[in-house]
Amino acid sequence: MNGIINVLKPPAMSSNGVTVYLKKLLSEKRVGHAGTLDPGAAGVLVVLLGRATRLSDYLMGHDKIYLAEMHFGCTTDTLDSYGMVREKRAPAQKITIEEVRRACAAFVGQITQIPPAYSAIKVNGKKSYELARKGINIPKPPRKVQIYAIEVLEQTGALQFLLRIHCSKGTYVRTLVEDIAASMGELAYTSLLVRERSGDYDIQHAYTLDEVAEMVQAGDTSFCISPEQAVAQLSAVHLGEAQRFAIEHGQVLTAEHPMPSGQFALYCGNTFYGIGVEEDGRPKLKIPLY
C-alpha cells in the first residue's frame, strides 16, 4: 500500500507507537510519519505508507495549527502535565485574558527557540528525550521559527487559558507556552496539546486507529490518500517518453516546455513519478516515487 493516512493520534501514545500499530494492521513494511507529535498530545499525525514515506520531508515542511492550554503556577521538566514539577509559584496577582493576549502578541513573527530536553531532536545520534530520561541534558543550539498567529480563545480555569497557535514546522509549542509566561514574569506549562492541522490535513477529517481497523476488516481502504492527491496543489509537469527513459536511468532531463518555479509534480502519462524542481531551466527529480 502506497499513500497517506490522516490519523487522529490519541494522547498517551507515541507517534512511533502509531506507526508500529499500523505496520502490523496493514502488513506494510515501510510506515513513517511527517512530524512527531508529543506522546501526551493528541491530534493530526500524517502517516506515510510504502513509497509515500519518501514524501516525509515535503509534508513535514508545512505549517501547523495547535490548540494548547496554558496553565499558570508551575513548570515541569517535560513542559507538560506528564512531567515532574520543576518549580511552583503562584501568580503574583490575578491574570486576565487581556494580559495573556498582550503577552502572546509579542511572540507573533520570527522568534528563536531552544529545543526542550524532552524532544525528538537528535543529539550526537541519540534522541534528546532518551538522554533526558537518563538525566543527561546536552545544550542544543537555538533555532528560528515563525509564529503566524496566536489566538487566546478563552479562560478555561482560574489559571488556565486556551490558545490556538498557527506556526511553522519545527516549533515547540511547550517551549512557546513557557516563554510567553516567562515574559509575564510567571511560570506555566502546557496542560493540553492538540494538533488541529498539519499542512492540508485537519482534525475534522482524521481517522482514529479504531476506525482504520474497522475499515480494514471491511476491505475498505478509502482512508488512504494517494501520493498524487498529497501533491495535488503543486503544478504538474508532464514528461515525454524520452524524458521518462532519462529519469529512470538517472540521466539529465531536457525541458520541452518552460518549467514552473518552485516544486512541481512530475508525470509521464498518468503515472506520477515524483516531485521535481527547476534547475537551469530543466526539470530535476527531487523526490522519486516511481
C-alpha atoms as a PDB file:
ATOM      1  CA  MET A   1       0.000   0.000   0.000  1.00  0.00           C
ATOM      2  CA  ASN A   2       1.373   3.410  -1.001  1.00  0.00           C
ATOM      3  CA  GLY A   3      -0.240   6.517   0.408  1.00  0.00           C
ATOM      4  CA  ILE A   4      -1.022   8.806   3.321  1.00  0.00           C
ATOM      5  CA  ILE A   5      -3.360   8.382   6.288  1.00  0.00           C
ATOM      6  CA  ASN A   6      -4.585  11.342   8.300  1.00  0.00           C
ATOM      7  CA  VAL A   7      -4.566   9.733  11.745  1.00  0.00           C
ATOM      8  CA  LEU A   8      -6.155  11.142  14.889  1.00  0.00           C
ATOM      9  CA  LYS A   9      -3.435  10.218  17.377  1.00  0.00           C
ATOM     10  CA  PRO A  10      -4.735   9.566  20.881  1.00  0.00           C
ATOM     11  CA  PRO A  11      -2.963  11.001  23.931  1.00  0.00           C
ATOM     12  CA  ALA A  12      -0.550   8.750  25.872  1.00  0.00           C
ATOM     13  CA  MET A  13       0.559   7.004  22.656  1.00  0.00           C
ATOM     14  CA  SER A  14       3.799   7.870  20.909  1.00  0.00           C
ATOM     15  CA  SER A  15       3.982   8.713  17.203  1.00  0.00           C
ATOM     16  CA  ASN A  16       6.205   5.676  16.771  1.00  0.00           C
ATOM     17  CA  GLY A  17       3.582   3.582  18.558  1.00  0.00           C
ATOM     18  CA  VAL A  18       1.040   4.632  15.930  1.00  0.00           C
ATOM     19  CA  THR A  19       3.330   3.600  13.060  1.00  0.00           C
ATOM     20  CA  VAL A  20       4.132   0.243  14.709  1.00  0.00           C
ATOM     21  CA  TYR A  21       0.408  -0.442  15.156  1.00  0.00           C
ATOM     22  CA  LEU A  22      -0.387   0.398  11.525  1.00  0.00           C
ATOM     23  CA  LYS A  23       2.574  -1.601  10.263  1.00  0.00           C
ATOM     24  CA  LYS A  24       1.073  -4.723  11.836  1.00  0.00           C
ATOM     25  CA  LEU A  25      -2.513  -3.890  10.918  1.00  0.00           C
ATOM     26  CA  LEU A  26      -1.735  -3.223   7.253  1.00  0.00           C
ATOM     27  CA  SER A  27       1.120  -5.741   6.877  1.00  0.00           C
ATOM     28  CA  GLU A  28       3.202  -2.902   5.436  1.00  0.00           C
ATOM     29  CA  LYS A  29       6.974  -2.872   5.972  1.00  0.00           C
ATOM     30  CA  ARG A  30       7.509   0.826   5.302  1.00  0.00           C
ATOM     31  CA  VAL A  31       5.490   3.080   7.599  1.00  0.00           C
ATOM     32  CA  GLY A  32       6.575   6.512   8.789  1.00  0.00           C
ATOM     33  CA  HIS A  33       5.125   9.893   9.646  1.00  0.00           C
ATOM     34  CA  ALA A  34       5.568  13.531   8.665  1.00  0.00           C
ATOM     35  CA  GLY A  35       6.316  15.146  12.006  1.00  0.00           C
ATOM     36  CA  THR A  36       6.435  13.785  15.549  1.00  0.00           C
ATOM     37  CA  LEU A  37       3.574  14.597  17.906  1.00  0.00           C
ATOM     38  CA  ASP A  38       4.369  14.521  21.644  1.00  0.00           C
ATOM     39  CA  PRO A  39       3.254  11.282  23.378  1.00  0.00           C
ATOM     40  CA  GLY A  40       0.921  13.251  25.633  1.00  0.00           C
ATOM     41  CA  ALA A  41      -0.533  15.261  22.759  1.00  0.00           C
ATOM     42  CA  ALA A  42      -3.449  14.317  20.515  1.00  0.00           C
ATOM     43  CA  GLY A  43      -4.484  15.276  17.013  1.00  0.00           C
ATOM     44  CA  VAL A  44      -3.324  15.056  13.435  1.00  0.00           C
ATOM     45  CA  LEU A  45      -0.463  12.680  12.688  1.00  0.00           C
ATOM     46  CA  VAL A  46       0.263  12.353   8.968  1.00  0.00           C
ATOM     47  CA  VAL A  47       1.236   8.694   8.474  1.00  0.00           C
ATOM     48  CA  LEU A  48       3.061   7.589   5.315  1.00  0.00           C
ATOM     49  CA  LEU A  49       2.911   4.124   3.749  1.00  0.00           C
ATOM     50  CA  GLY A  50       5.197   2.401   1.269  1.00  0.00           C
ATOM     51  CA  ARG A  51       6.767   4.660  -1.342  1.00  0.00           C
ATOM     52  CA  ALA A  52       4.900   7.615   0.143  1.00  0.00           C
ATOM     53  CA  THR A  53       7.417   7.576   3.025  1.00  0.00           C
ATOM     54  CA  ARG A  54       9.676   9.443   0.583  1.00  0.00           C
ATOM     55  CA  LEU A  55       7.306  12.413   0.886  1.00  0.00           C
ATOM     56  CA  SER A  56       8.171  12.864   4.565  1.00  0.00           C
ATOM     57  CA  ASP A  57      10.392  15.944   4.177  1.00  0.00           C
ATOM     58  CA  TYR A  58       7.940  17.581   1.766  1.00  0.00           C
ATOM     59  CA  LEU A  59       4.911  17.107   4.036  1.00  0.00           C
ATOM     60  CA  MET A  60       6.859  17.879   7.203  1.00  0.00           C
ATOM     61  CA  GLY A  61       7.688  21.336   5.886  1.00  0.00           C
ATOM     62  CA  HIS A  62       4.101  22.567   6.019  1.00  0.00           C
ATOM     63  CA  ASP A  63       2.599  24.880   8.664  1.00  0.00           C
ATOM     64  CA  LYS A  64       0.861  23.519  11.756  1.00  0.00           C
ATOM     65  CA  ILE A  65      -2.060  24.672  13.915  1.00  0.00           C
ATOM     66  CA  TYR A  66      -2.324  23.657  17.575  1.00  0.00           C
ATOM     67  CA  LEU A  67      -4.696  24.066  20.487  1.00  0.00           C
ATOM     68  CA  ALA A  68      -2.732  24.488  23.695  1.00  0.00           C
ATOM     69  CA  GLU A  69      -3.913  25.060  27.231  1.00  0.00           C
ATOM     70  CA  MET A  70      -1.579  27.311  29.192  1.00  0.00           C
ATOM     71  CA  HIS A  71      -1.605  26.520  32.905  1.00  0.00           C
ATOM     72  CA  PHE A  72      -0.010  29.120  35.177  1.00  0.00           C
ATOM     73  CA  GLY A  73       1.564  28.431  38.560  1.00  0.00           C
ATOM     74  CA  CYS A  74       4.329  25.904  37.901  1.00  0.00           C
ATOM     75  CA  THR A  75       6.706  24.388  35.375  1.00  0.00           C
ATOM     76  CA  THR A  76       7.591  20.741  34.747  1.00  0.00           C
ATOM     77  CA  ASP A  77      10.663  19.028  33.344  1.00  0.00           C
ATOM     78  CA  THR A  78       8.732  17.940  30.226  1.00  0.00           C
ATOM     79  CA  LEU A  79       6.905  21.307  29.988  1.00  0.00           C
ATOM     80  CA  ASP A  80       3.567  19.434  30.022  1.00  0.00           C
ATOM     81  CA  SER A  81       1.335  17.678  32.564  1.00  0.00           C
ATOM     82  CA  TYR A  82       3.173  14.362  32.175  1.00  0.00           C
ATOM     83  CA  GLY A  83       6.399  15.553  33.801  1.00  0.00           C
ATOM     84  CA  MET A  84       7.702  16.174  37.306  1.00  0.00           C
ATOM     85  CA  VAL A  85       7.118  19.601  38.838  1.00  0.00           C
ATOM     86  CA  ARG A  86      10.299  21.627  38.457  1.00  0.00           C
ATOM     87  CA  GLU A  87       9.208  24.857  40.145  1.00  0.00           C
ATOM     88  CA  LYS A  88       5.995  26.044  41.709  1.00  0.00           C
ATOM     89  CA  ARG A  89       4.978  29.648  42.279  1.00  0.00           C
ATOM     90  CA  ALA A  90       1.525  31.163  42.414  1.00  0.00           C
ATOM     91  CA  PRO A  91       0.987  34.219  40.201  1.00  0.00           C
ATOM     92  CA  ALA A  92       1.705  37.495  41.982  1.00  0.00           C
ATOM     93  CA  GLN A  93      -1.747  38.755  41.030  1.00  0.00           C
ATOM     94  CA  LYS A  94      -4.826  37.637  39.148  1.00  0.00           C
ATOM     95  CA  ILE A  95      -4.028  37.023  35.480  1.00  0.00           C
ATOM     96  CA  THR A  96      -6.559  38.366  32.998  1.00  0.00           C
ATOM     97  CA  ILE A  97      -7.220  37.211  29.465  1.00  0.00           C
ATOM     98  CA  GLU A  98      -6.238  40.672  28.205  1.00  0.00           C
ATOM     99  CA  GLU A  99      -2.792  40.329  29.806  1.00  0.00           C
ATOM    100  CA  VAL A 100      -2.303  36.922  28.192  1.00  0.00           C
ATOM    101  CA  ARG A 101      -3.324  38.321  24.802  1.00  0.00           C
ATOM    102  CA  ARG A 102      -0.832  41.171  25.095  1.00  0.00           C
ATOM    103  CA  ALA A 103       1.950  38.772  26.026  1.00  0.00           C
ATOM    104  CA  CYS A 104       1.119  36.407  23.154  1.00  0.00           C
ATOM    105  CA  ALA A 105       1.094  39.255  20.629  1.00  0.00           C
ATOM    106  CA  ALA A 106       4.783  39.905  21.328  1.00  0.00           C
ATOM    107  CA  PHE A 107       5.624  36.373  20.115  1.00  0.00           C
ATOM    108  CA  VAL A 108       3.978  36.665  16.694  1.00  0.00           C
ATOM    109  CA  GLY A 109       6.595  36.768  13.937  1.00  0.00           C
ATOM    110  CA  GLN A 110      10.002  35.141  13.719  1.00  0.00           C
ATOM    111  CA  ILE A 111      11.258  34.020  17.117  1.00  0.00           C
ATOM    112  CA  THR A 112      14.191  31.994  18.434  1.00  0.00           C
ATOM    113  CA  GLN A 113      13.632  28.817  20.427  1.00  0.00           C
ATOM    114  CA  ILE A 114      15.891  26.355  22.188  1.00  0.00           C
ATOM    115  CA  PRO A 115      14.508  22.818  21.734  1.00  0.00           C
ATOM    116  CA  PRO A 116      13.412  21.318  25.064  1.00  0.00           C
ATOM    117  CA  ALA A 117      15.266  18.425  26.685  1.00  0.00           C
ATOM    118  CA  TYR A 118      12.227  16.205  26.157  1.00  0.00           C
ATOM    119  CA  SER A 119      12.017  16.364  22.364  1.00  0.00           C
ATOM    120  CA  ALA A 120      12.663  14.038  19.418  1.00  0.00           C
ATOM    121  CA  ILE A 121      15.550  16.136  18.106  1.00  0.00           C
ATOM    122  CA  LYS A 122      18.751  14.092  17.802  1.00  0.00           C
ATOM    123  CA  VAL A 123      21.914  14.976  19.736  1.00  0.00           C
ATOM    124  CA  ASN A 124      25.036  13.053  18.740  1.00  0.00           C
ATOM    125  CA  GLY A 125      22.854  10.448  17.072  1.00  0.00           C
ATOM    126  CA  LYS A 126      20.528   9.951  20.057  1.00  0.00           C
ATOM    127  CA  LYS A 127      17.074  11.386  20.638  1.00  0.00           C
ATOM    128  CA  SER A 128      17.121  14.172  23.199  1.00  0.00           C
ATOM    129  CA  TYR A 129      14.281  12.694  25.274  1.00  0.00           C
ATOM    130  CA  GLU A 130      16.204   9.404  25.638  1.00  0.00           C
ATOM    131  CA  LEU A 131      19.149  11.339  27.093  1.00  0.00           C
ATOM    132  CA  ALA A 132      16.843  13.424  29.310  1.00  0.00           C
ATOM    133  CA  ARG A 133      15.355  10.289  30.840  1.00  0.00           C
ATOM    134  CA  LYS A 134      18.892   9.354  31.924  1.00  0.00           C
ATOM    135  CA  GLY A 135      19.415  12.775  33.461  1.00  0.00           C
ATOM    136  CA  ILE A 136      21.600  13.989  30.590  1.00  0.00           C
ATOM    137  CA  ASN A 137      20.753  17.408  29.171  1.00  0.00           C
ATOM    138  CA  ILE A 138      23.093  18.454  26.384  1.00  0.00           C
ATOM    139  CA  PRO A 139      22.746  22.120  25.325  1.00  0.00           C
ATOM    140  CA  LYS A 140      21.114  22.473  21.916  1.00  0.00           C
ATOM    141  CA  PRO A 141      21.606  25.363  19.505  1.00  0.00           C
ATOM    142  CA  PRO A 142      18.735  27.838  19.182  1.00  0.00           C
ATOM    143  CA  ARG A 143      16.597  27.725  16.051  1.00  0.00           C
ATOM    144  CA  LYS A 144      14.434  30.292  14.315  1.00  0.00           C
ATOM    145  CA  VAL A 145      10.749  29.510  13.805  1.00  0.00           C
ATOM    146  CA  GLN A 146       7.785  31.521  12.569  1.00  0.00           C
ATOM    147  CA  ILE A 147       4.675  32.179  14.636  1.00  0.00           C
ATOM    148  CA  TYR A 148       1.926  33.349  12.276  1.00  0.00           C
ATOM    149  CA  ALA A 149      -0.832  33.881  14.833  1.00  0.00           C
ATOM    150  CA  ILE A 150      -1.764  33.224  18.460  1.00  0.00           C
ATOM    151  CA  GLU A 151      -5.406  33.457  19.487  1.00  0.00           C
ATOM    152  CA  VAL A 152      -6.342  33.403  23.157  1.00  0.00           C
ATOM    153  CA  LEU A 153      -9.705  31.694  22.811  1.00  0.00           C
ATOM    154  CA  GLU A 154     -10.960  31.588  26.388  1.00  0.00           C
ATOM    155  CA  GLN A 155     -10.102  31.303  30.041  1.00  0.00           C
ATOM    156  CA  THR A 156     -10.795  27.667  30.979  1.00  0.00           C
ATOM    157  CA  GLY A 157      -9.993  27.886  34.703  1.00  0.00           C
ATOM    158  CA  ALA A 158      -8.615  30.185  37.360  1.00  0.00           C
ATOM    159  CA  LEU A 159      -5.089  29.735  35.984  1.00  0.00           C
ATOM    160  CA  GLN A 160      -5.781  28.196  32.568  1.00  0.00           C
ATOM    161  CA  PHE A 161      -6.115  29.781  29.138  1.00  0.00           C
ATOM    162  CA  LEU A 162      -6.800  28.081  25.815  1.00  0.00           C
ATOM    163  CA  LEU A 163      -4.630  29.198  22.883  1.00  0.00           C
ATOM    164  CA  ARG A 164      -4.760  28.456  19.157  1.00  0.00           C
ATOM    165  CA  ILE A 165      -1.292  28.697  17.605  1.00  0.00           C
ATOM    166  CA  HIS A 166      -0.503  28.814  13.872  1.00  0.00           C
ATOM    167  CA  CYS A 167       3.203  28.179  13.383  1.00  0.00           C
ATOM    168  CA  SER A 168       5.926  26.925  11.067  1.00  0.00           C
ATOM    169  CA  LYS A 169       7.482  23.489  11.140  1.00  0.00           C
ATOM    170  CA  GLY A 170       9.913  22.880  13.975  1.00  0.00           C
ATOM    171  CA  THR A 171       8.026  24.980  16.521  1.00  0.00           C
ATOM    172  CA  TYR A 172       7.937  23.599  20.052  1.00  0.00           C
ATOM    173  CA  VAL A 173       4.604  24.708  21.465  1.00  0.00           C
ATOM    174  CA  ARG A 174       5.513  23.622  25.002  1.00  0.00           C
ATOM    175  CA  THR A 175       8.565  25.885  24.893  1.00  0.00           C
ATOM    176  CA  LEU A 176       6.485  28.716  23.428  1.00  0.00           C
ATOM    177  CA  VAL A 177       3.961  28.498  26.271  1.00  0.00           C
ATOM    178  CA  GLU A 178       6.712  28.553  28.902  1.00  0.00           C
ATOM    179  CA  ASP A 179       8.436  31.508  27.195  1.00  0.00           C
ATOM    180  CA  ILE A 180       5.206  33.516  26.987  1.00  0.00           C
ATOM    181  CA  ALA A 181       4.640  33.008  30.714  1.00  0.00           C
ATOM    182  CA  ALA A 182       8.256  33.945  31.468  1.00  0.00           C
ATOM    183  CA  SER A 183       7.787  37.207  29.558  1.00  0.00           C
ATOM    184  CA  MET A 184       4.987  37.968  32.047  1.00  0.00           C
ATOM    185  CA  GLY A 185       7.208  37.096  34.997  1.00  0.00           C
ATOM    186  CA  GLU A 186       5.200  33.924  35.603  1.00  0.00           C
ATOM    187  CA  LEU A 187       5.535  30.140  35.411  1.00  0.00           C
ATOM    188  CA  ALA A 188       3.371  27.964  33.152  1.00  0.00           C
ATOM    189  CA  TYR A 189       3.249  24.580  31.459  1.00  0.00           C
ATOM    190  CA  THR A 190       1.163  23.106  28.648  1.00  0.00           C
ATOM    191  CA  SER A 191      -1.666  21.124  30.246  1.00  0.00           C
ATOM    192  CA  LEU A 192      -3.321  20.215  26.924  1.00  0.00           C
ATOM    193  CA  LEU A 193      -1.917  19.981  23.397  1.00  0.00           C
ATOM    194  CA  VAL A 194      -3.880  19.092  20.254  1.00  0.00           C
ATOM    195  CA  ARG A 195      -2.607  19.403  16.694  1.00  0.00           C
ATOM    196  CA  GLU A 196      -5.597  20.625  14.699  1.00  0.00           C
ATOM    197  CA  ARG A 197      -3.890  20.834  11.326  1.00  0.00           C
ATOM    198  CA  SER A 198      -0.687  19.772   9.604  1.00  0.00           C
ATOM    199  CA  GLY A 199      -0.468  21.243   6.121  1.00  0.00           C
ATOM    200  CA  ASP A 200      -3.605  20.182   4.226  1.00  0.00           C
ATOM    201  CA  TYR A 201      -4.622  17.590   6.823  1.00  0.00           C
ATOM    202  CA  ASP A 202      -7.076  18.681   9.514  1.00  0.00           C
ATOM    203  CA  ILE A 203      -8.538  17.046  12.577  1.00  0.00           C
ATOM    204  CA  GLN A 204     -12.098  17.069  11.200  1.00  0.00           C
ATOM    205  CA  HIS A 205     -11.065  14.558   8.517  1.00  0.00           C
ATOM    206  CA  ALA A 206      -8.699  12.448  10.630  1.00  0.00           C
ATOM    207  CA  TYR A 207      -9.334   8.753  11.322  1.00  0.00           C
ATOM    208  CA  THR A 208      -8.971   7.138  14.721  1.00  0.00           C
ATOM    209  CA  LEU A 209      -6.972   3.911  14.840  1.00  0.00           C
ATOM    210  CA  ASP A 210     -10.161   2.023  15.683  1.00  0.00           C
ATOM    211  CA  GLU A 211     -11.861   3.455  12.580  1.00  0.00           C
ATOM    212  CA  VAL A 212      -8.932   2.413  10.396  1.00  0.00           C
ATOM    213  CA  ALA A 213      -9.030  -1.104  11.868  1.00  0.00           C
ATOM    214  CA  GLU A 214     -12.782  -1.410  11.234  1.00  0.00           C
ATOM    215  CA  MET A 215     -12.375  -0.228   7.635  1.00  0.00           C
ATOM    216  CA  VAL A 216      -9.523  -2.664   7.009  1.00  0.00           C
ATOM    217  CA  GLN A 217     -11.651  -5.514   8.344  1.00  0.00           C
ATOM    218  CA  ALA A 218     -14.432  -4.466   5.933  1.00  0.00           C
ATOM    219  CA  GLY A 219     -11.995  -4.334   2.998  1.00  0.00           C
ATOM    220  CA  ASP A 220     -12.324  -0.547   2.744  1.00  0.00           C
ATOM    221  CA  THR A 221      -9.075   1.349   2.132  1.00  0.00           C
ATOM    222  CA  SER A 222     -10.612   4.739   1.384  1.00  0.00           C
ATOM    223  CA  PHE A 223      -8.787   6.099   4.437  1.00  0.00           C
ATOM    224  CA  CYS A 224      -5.568   6.002   2.379  1.00  0.00           C
ATOM    225  CA  ILE A 225      -4.816   9.086   0.274  1.00  0.00           C
ATOM    226  CA  SER A 226      -2.723   8.503  -2.843  1.00  0.00           C
ATOM    227  CA  PRO A 227       0.654  10.240  -3.245  1.00  0.00           C
ATOM    228  CA  GLU A 228      -0.821  12.107  -6.229  1.00  0.00           C
ATOM    229  CA  GLN A 229      -3.580  13.548  -4.043  1.00  0.00           C
ATOM    230  CA  ALA A 230      -0.989  14.587  -1.466  1.00  0.00           C
ATOM    231  CA  VAL A 231       0.731  16.860  -4.011  1.00  0.00           C
ATOM    232  CA  ALA A 232      -2.424  17.995  -5.842  1.00  0.00           C
ATOM    233  CA  GLN A 233      -1.661  21.643  -5.004  1.00  0.00           C
ATOM    234  CA  LEU A 234       1.608  21.516  -6.973  1.00  0.00           C
ATOM    235  CA  SER A 235       1.822  22.432 -10.654  1.00  0.00           C
ATOM    236  CA  ALA A 236       2.016  19.374 -12.926  1.00  0.00           C
ATOM    237  CA  VAL A 237       4.819  18.824 -15.430  1.00  0.00           C
ATOM    238  CA  HIS A 238       4.302  16.007 -17.928  1.00  0.00           C
ATOM    239  CA  LEU A 239       7.323  14.157 -19.257  1.00  0.00           C
ATOM    240  CA  GLY A 240       7.710  12.832 -22.777  1.00  0.00           C
ATOM    241  CA  GLU A 241       8.822   9.266 -23.477  1.00  0.00           C
ATOM    242  CA  ALA A 242      12.471  10.292 -23.925  1.00  0.00           C
ATOM    243  CA  GLN A 243      12.371  12.142 -20.609  1.00  0.00           C
ATOM    244  CA  ARG A 244      10.782   9.141 -18.907  1.00  0.00           C
ATOM    245  CA  PHE A 245      13.659   6.955 -20.109  1.00  0.00           C
ATOM    246  CA  ALA A 246      16.168   9.549 -18.906  1.00  0.00           C
ATOM    247  CA  ILE A 247      14.641   9.915 -15.449  1.00  0.00           C
ATOM    248  CA  GLU A 248      14.552   6.136 -14.937  1.00  0.00           C
ATOM    249  CA  HIS A 249      18.249   5.867 -15.873  1.00  0.00           C
ATOM    250  CA  GLY A 250      19.478   8.825 -13.848  1.00  0.00           C
ATOM    251  CA  GLN A 251      20.187  10.978 -16.882  1.00  0.00           C
ATOM    252  CA  VAL A 252      19.900  14.763 -17.157  1.00  0.00           C
ATOM    253  CA  LEU A 253      16.442  15.800 -18.293  1.00  0.00           C
ATOM    254  CA  THR A 254      15.763  18.319 -21.020  1.00  0.00           C
ATOM    255  CA  ALA A 255      12.818  20.672 -20.830  1.00  0.00           C
ATOM    256  CA  GLU A 256      10.218  20.524 -23.584  1.00  0.00           C
ATOM    257  CA  HIS A 257       8.297  23.440 -22.053  1.00  0.00           C
ATOM    258  CA  PRO A 258       9.102  26.292 -19.634  1.00  0.00           C
ATOM    259  CA  MET A 259       9.358  24.990 -16.071  1.00  0.00           C
ATOM    260  CA  PRO A 260       7.262  26.404 -13.202  1.00  0.00           C
ATOM    261  CA  SER A 261       9.181  27.906 -10.305  1.00  0.00           C
ATOM    262  CA  GLY A 262       9.459  26.033  -7.031  1.00  0.00           C
ATOM    263  CA  GLN A 263       8.453  22.405  -6.663  1.00  0.00           C
ATOM    264  CA  PHE A 264       6.146  20.596  -9.095  1.00  0.00           C
ATOM    265  CA  ALA A 265       4.646  17.143  -9.654  1.00  0.00           C
ATOM    266  CA  LEU A 266       6.249  15.086 -12.430  1.00  0.00           C
ATOM    267  CA  TYR A 267       4.045  12.817 -14.545  1.00  0.00           C
ATOM    268  CA  CYS A 268       4.589  10.516 -17.501  1.00  0.00           C
ATOM    269  CA  GLY A 269       1.192   9.797 -18.964  1.00  0.00           C
ATOM    270  CA  ASN A 270      -0.993   9.033 -15.943  1.00  0.00           C
ATOM    271  CA  THR A 271       1.943   7.821 -13.848  1.00  0.00           C
ATOM    272  CA  PHE A 272       3.086  10.056 -11.016  1.00  0.00           C
ATOM    273  CA  TYR A 273       6.891   9.949 -10.925  1.00  0.00           C
ATOM    274  CA  GLY A 274       7.626  12.230  -8.012  1.00  0.00           C
ATOM    275  CA  ILE A 275       8.383  15.817  -7.080  1.00  0.00           C
ATOM    276  CA  GLY A 276      10.690  17.857  -9.252  1.00  0.00           C
ATOM    277  CA  VAL A 277      12.375  21.244  -9.132  1.00  0.00           C
ATOM    278  CA  GLU A 278      13.626  23.565 -11.860  1.00  0.00           C
ATOM    279  CA  GLU A 279      17.390  23.727 -12.243  1.00  0.00           C
ATOM    280  CA  ASP A 280      19.000  25.747 -15.049  1.00  0.00           C
ATOM    281  CA  GLY A 281      15.692  25.738 -16.897  1.00  0.00           C
ATOM    282  CA  ARG A 282      15.442  21.952 -16.800  1.00  0.00           C
ATOM    283  CA  PRO A 283      13.356  19.625 -14.626  1.00  0.00           C
ATOM    284  CA  LYS A 284      15.278  17.790 -11.932  1.00  0.00           C
ATOM    285  CA  LEU A 285      13.806  14.919  -9.945  1.00  0.00           C
ATOM    286  CA  LYS A 286      13.975  15.775  -6.237  1.00  0.00           C
ATOM    287  CA  ILE A 287      11.795  13.087  -4.655  1.00  0.00           C
ATOM    288  CA  PRO A 288      11.397   9.900  -6.761  1.00  0.00           C
ATOM    289  CA  LEU A 289       8.211   7.888  -6.270  1.00  0.00           C
ATOM    290  CA  TYR A 290       8.294   5.535  -9.275  1.00  0.00           C
END
